[in-house]
């Protein structure tokens, strides 16, 4: 059916709780192949867990102002993020992942944005903004660039700063 995600949505790292699962799996693999350094790997995993707890508490506080926010995204990259942070993705600029938007699909998105007063259209930095900008011109929504991974935006230079950066962008766009 033209979907680039036939095996399911692969953007699992955009939920910090899944990042903790990934870290634990890496830890388990490393101690199997390099058991001589278990103390080092344990120390690093413990630091990751502690930082996860601190950041989770901070993000819970920060996202109270964003609770229930509905947005449109270009690509279906954000279900894990939106679930983790209490947001809702109402629709996608792409009719299916990897499929360019058609005029009729774009018209449906415009109708949805106007009907629901959706304020944000999130676009990853590597997608064209042509269709999102067109939708924004026909609605009151703003197009914002959301980095989907570390290094995807200035400041998103580690896993924790990735989430801080995304939340900064969303908070700033809601305040404008």
Protein backbone atom coordinates (compact mmCIF):
# COMPACT_ATOMS: atom_id res chain seq x y z
CA UNK A 1 0.00 0.00 0.00
CA UNK A 2 3.00 2.32 -0.38
CA UNK A 3 3.67 2.65 3.35
CA UNK A 4 7.34 2.89 4.37
CA UNK A 5 6.43 1.37 7.77
CA UNK A 6 4.88 -1.99 6.82
CA UNK A 7 6.28 -3.62 9.98
CA UNK A 8 4.94 -0.90 12.31
CA UNK A 9 6.08 2.52 13.42
CA UNK A 10 9.86 2.50 14.06
CA UNK A 11 10.15 5.86 15.90
CA UNK A 12 10.20 4.23 19.35
CA UNK A 13 13.12 6.32 20.68
CA UNK A 14 10.86 9.38 20.81
CA UNK A 15 9.43 8.10 24.10
CA UNK A 16 12.09 8.54 26.80
CA UNK A 17 10.81 5.45 28.63
CA UNK A 18 11.72 3.45 25.53
CA UNK A 19 15.18 5.03 25.66
CA UNK A 20 15.58 3.46 29.07
CA UNK A 21 14.62 0.06 27.63
CA UNK A 22 17.17 0.53 24.84
CA UNK A 23 19.87 1.46 27.38
CA UNK A 24 19.11 -1.66 29.42
CA UNK A 25 19.26 -3.85 26.31
CA UNK A 26 22.61 -2.32 25.32
CA UNK A 27 23.87 -2.89 28.85
CA UNK A 28 22.81 -6.56 28.77
CA UNK A 29 24.50 -7.08 25.40
CA UNK A 30 27.71 -5.38 26.51
CA UNK A 31 28.09 -7.40 29.69
CA UNK A 32 27.64 -10.58 27.67
CA UNK A 33 30.46 -9.73 25.28
CA UNK A 34 32.66 -7.72 27.66
CA UNK A 35 31.95 -8.96 31.18
CA UNK A 36 35.31 -7.69 32.39
CA UNK A 37 33.95 -4.16 32.27
CA UNK A 38 30.64 -4.83 34.01
CA UNK A 39 31.37 -2.26 36.74
CA UNK A 40 31.82 0.47 34.13
CA UNK A 41 28.68 -0.51 32.22
CA UNK A 42 26.68 -0.73 35.44
CA UNK A 43 27.87 2.73 36.49
CA UNK A 44 26.89 4.20 33.12
CA UNK A 45 23.45 2.53 33.17
CA UNK A 46 22.86 3.78 36.71
CA UNK A 47 23.75 7.32 35.60
CA UNK A 48 21.36 7.00 32.64
CA UNK A 49 18.55 5.79 34.93
CA UNK A 50 19.17 8.65 37.39
CA UNK A 51 19.12 11.23 34.60
CA UNK A 52 15.95 9.64 33.22
CA UNK A 53 14.24 10.09 36.61
CA UNK A 54 15.33 13.73 36.90
CA UNK A 55 14.34 14.62 33.33
CA UNK A 56 11.03 12.75 33.53
CA UNK A 57 10.02 14.84 36.54
CA UNK A 58 11.04 18.04 34.76
CA UNK A 59 9.17 17.10 31.58
CA UNK A 60 6.03 16.19 33.52
CA UNK A 61 6.03 19.68 35.02
CA UNK A 62 6.79 21.37 31.70
CA UNK A 63 4.17 19.54 29.69
CA UNK A 64 1.25 20.54 31.91
CA UNK A 65 0.83 23.63 29.72
CA UNK A 66 0.82 21.44 26.59
CA UNK A 67 -1.57 18.77 27.90
CA UNK A 68 -4.10 17.79 25.28
CA UNK A 69 -2.45 19.82 22.52
CA UNK A 70 -3.54 18.59 19.10
CA UNK A 71 -1.15 19.01 16.21
CA UNK A 72 -0.64 17.90 12.65
CA UNK A 73 2.67 16.34 11.70
CA UNK A 74 4.16 15.83 8.29
CA UNK A 75 5.12 12.20 8.88
CA UNK A 76 3.90 9.60 11.36
CA UNK A 77 7.05 9.99 13.48
CA UNK A 78 5.41 11.18 16.65
CA UNK A 79 3.02 8.58 18.17
CA UNK A 80 5.50 7.57 20.87
CA UNK A 81 6.38 11.17 21.70
CA UNK A 82 2.77 12.34 21.77
CA UNK A 83 1.70 9.46 24.02
CA UNK A 84 4.64 10.07 26.39
CA UNK A 85 3.94 13.78 26.68
CA UNK A 86 0.14 13.87 26.59
CA UNK A 87 -0.25 15.35 23.12
CA UNK A 88 -2.45 14.24 20.25
CA UNK A 89 -1.55 13.98 16.57
CA UNK A 90 -4.80 14.69 14.73
CA UNK A 91 -3.50 13.96 11.23
CA UNK A 92 -0.57 13.87 8.85
CA UNK A 93 0.43 15.95 5.85
CA UNK A 94 1.40 12.68 4.18
CA UNK A 95 -1.62 10.49 3.45
CA UNK A 96 0.62 7.50 4.31
CA UNK A 97 4.24 7.45 5.46
CA UNK A 98 6.46 8.09 2.46
CA UNK A 99 3.60 9.16 0.16
CA UNK A 100 3.52 12.77 -1.06
CA UNK A 101 0.36 14.69 -0.13
CA UNK A 102 -2.28 15.04 -2.83
CA UNK A 103 -4.43 18.12 -3.30
CA UNK A 104 -7.51 16.32 -1.95
CA UNK A 105 -5.65 15.05 1.13
CA UNK A 106 -4.25 18.53 1.76
CA UNK A 107 -7.78 19.97 1.52
CA UNK A 108 -8.93 17.46 4.17
CA UNK A 109 -6.08 18.49 6.45
CA UNK A 110 -6.94 22.18 5.97
CA UNK A 111 -10.57 21.41 6.84
CA UNK A 112 -9.50 19.49 9.97
CA UNK A 113 -7.08 22.21 11.12
CA UNK A 114 -9.76 24.87 10.72
CA UNK A 115 -12.52 22.80 12.34
CA UNK A 116 -10.40 21.84 15.37
CA UNK A 117 -8.34 25.06 15.59
CA UNK A 118 -5.13 23.02 15.48
CA UNK A 119 -2.28 25.44 16.15
CA UNK A 120 0.82 23.54 15.01
CA UNK A 121 2.06 21.64 11.98
CA UNK A 122 5.24 19.81 12.93
CA UNK A 123 7.73 18.97 10.19
CA UNK A 124 11.01 17.10 10.44
CA UNK A 125 13.96 19.12 9.10
CA UNK A 126 14.49 16.90 6.06
CA UNK A 127 10.94 17.09 4.65
CA UNK A 128 9.76 19.75 2.24
CA UNK A 129 7.75 22.52 3.85
CA UNK A 130 5.84 23.28 0.66
CA UNK A 131 2.61 21.46 1.64
CA UNK A 132 2.78 22.43 5.35
CA UNK A 133 3.34 26.08 4.42
CA UNK A 134 0.39 25.89 2.05
CA UNK A 135 -1.80 24.49 4.83
CA UNK A 136 -0.59 27.21 7.21
CA UNK A 137 -1.51 29.94 4.71
CA UNK A 138 -5.10 28.61 4.64
CA UNK A 139 -5.37 28.23 8.42
CA UNK A 140 -4.14 29.84 11.63
CA UNK A 141 -1.63 27.01 12.22
CA UNK A 142 2.11 27.59 12.44
CA UNK A 143 4.69 25.36 10.81
CA UNK A 144 7.47 24.36 13.20
CA UNK A 145 10.51 22.19 12.59
CA UNK A 146 10.69 19.32 15.09
CA UNK A 147 13.95 17.36 15.31
CA UNK A 148 13.23 13.62 15.43
CA UNK A 149 16.68 12.61 16.62
CA UNK A 150 19.84 13.78 18.33
CA UNK A 151 21.63 16.26 16.09
CA UNK A 152 18.41 17.17 14.27
CA UNK A 153 18.46 20.74 15.57
CA UNK A 154 20.82 23.11 17.30
CA UNK A 155 20.94 22.22 20.98
CA UNK A 156 19.61 18.68 20.51
CA UNK A 157 23.09 17.28 21.01
CA UNK A 158 22.26 14.42 23.36
CA UNK A 159 19.26 12.25 24.12
CA UNK A 160 17.97 14.41 26.98
CA UNK A 161 18.46 17.68 25.10
CA UNK A 162 16.51 16.22 22.17
CA UNK A 163 13.35 16.19 24.29
CA UNK A 164 14.16 19.56 25.87
CA UNK A 165 14.57 21.04 22.39
CA UNK A 166 11.29 19.60 21.08
CA UNK A 167 9.44 20.87 24.14
CA UNK A 168 11.13 24.29 23.81
CA UNK A 169 9.90 24.51 20.22
CA UNK A 170 6.34 23.51 21.12
CA UNK A 171 6.17 25.86 24.12
CA UNK A 172 7.55 28.78 22.13
CA UNK A 173 5.17 28.22 19.23
CA UNK A 174 2.20 28.08 21.62
CA UNK A 175 3.29 31.31 23.32
CA UNK A 176 3.57 33.26 20.05
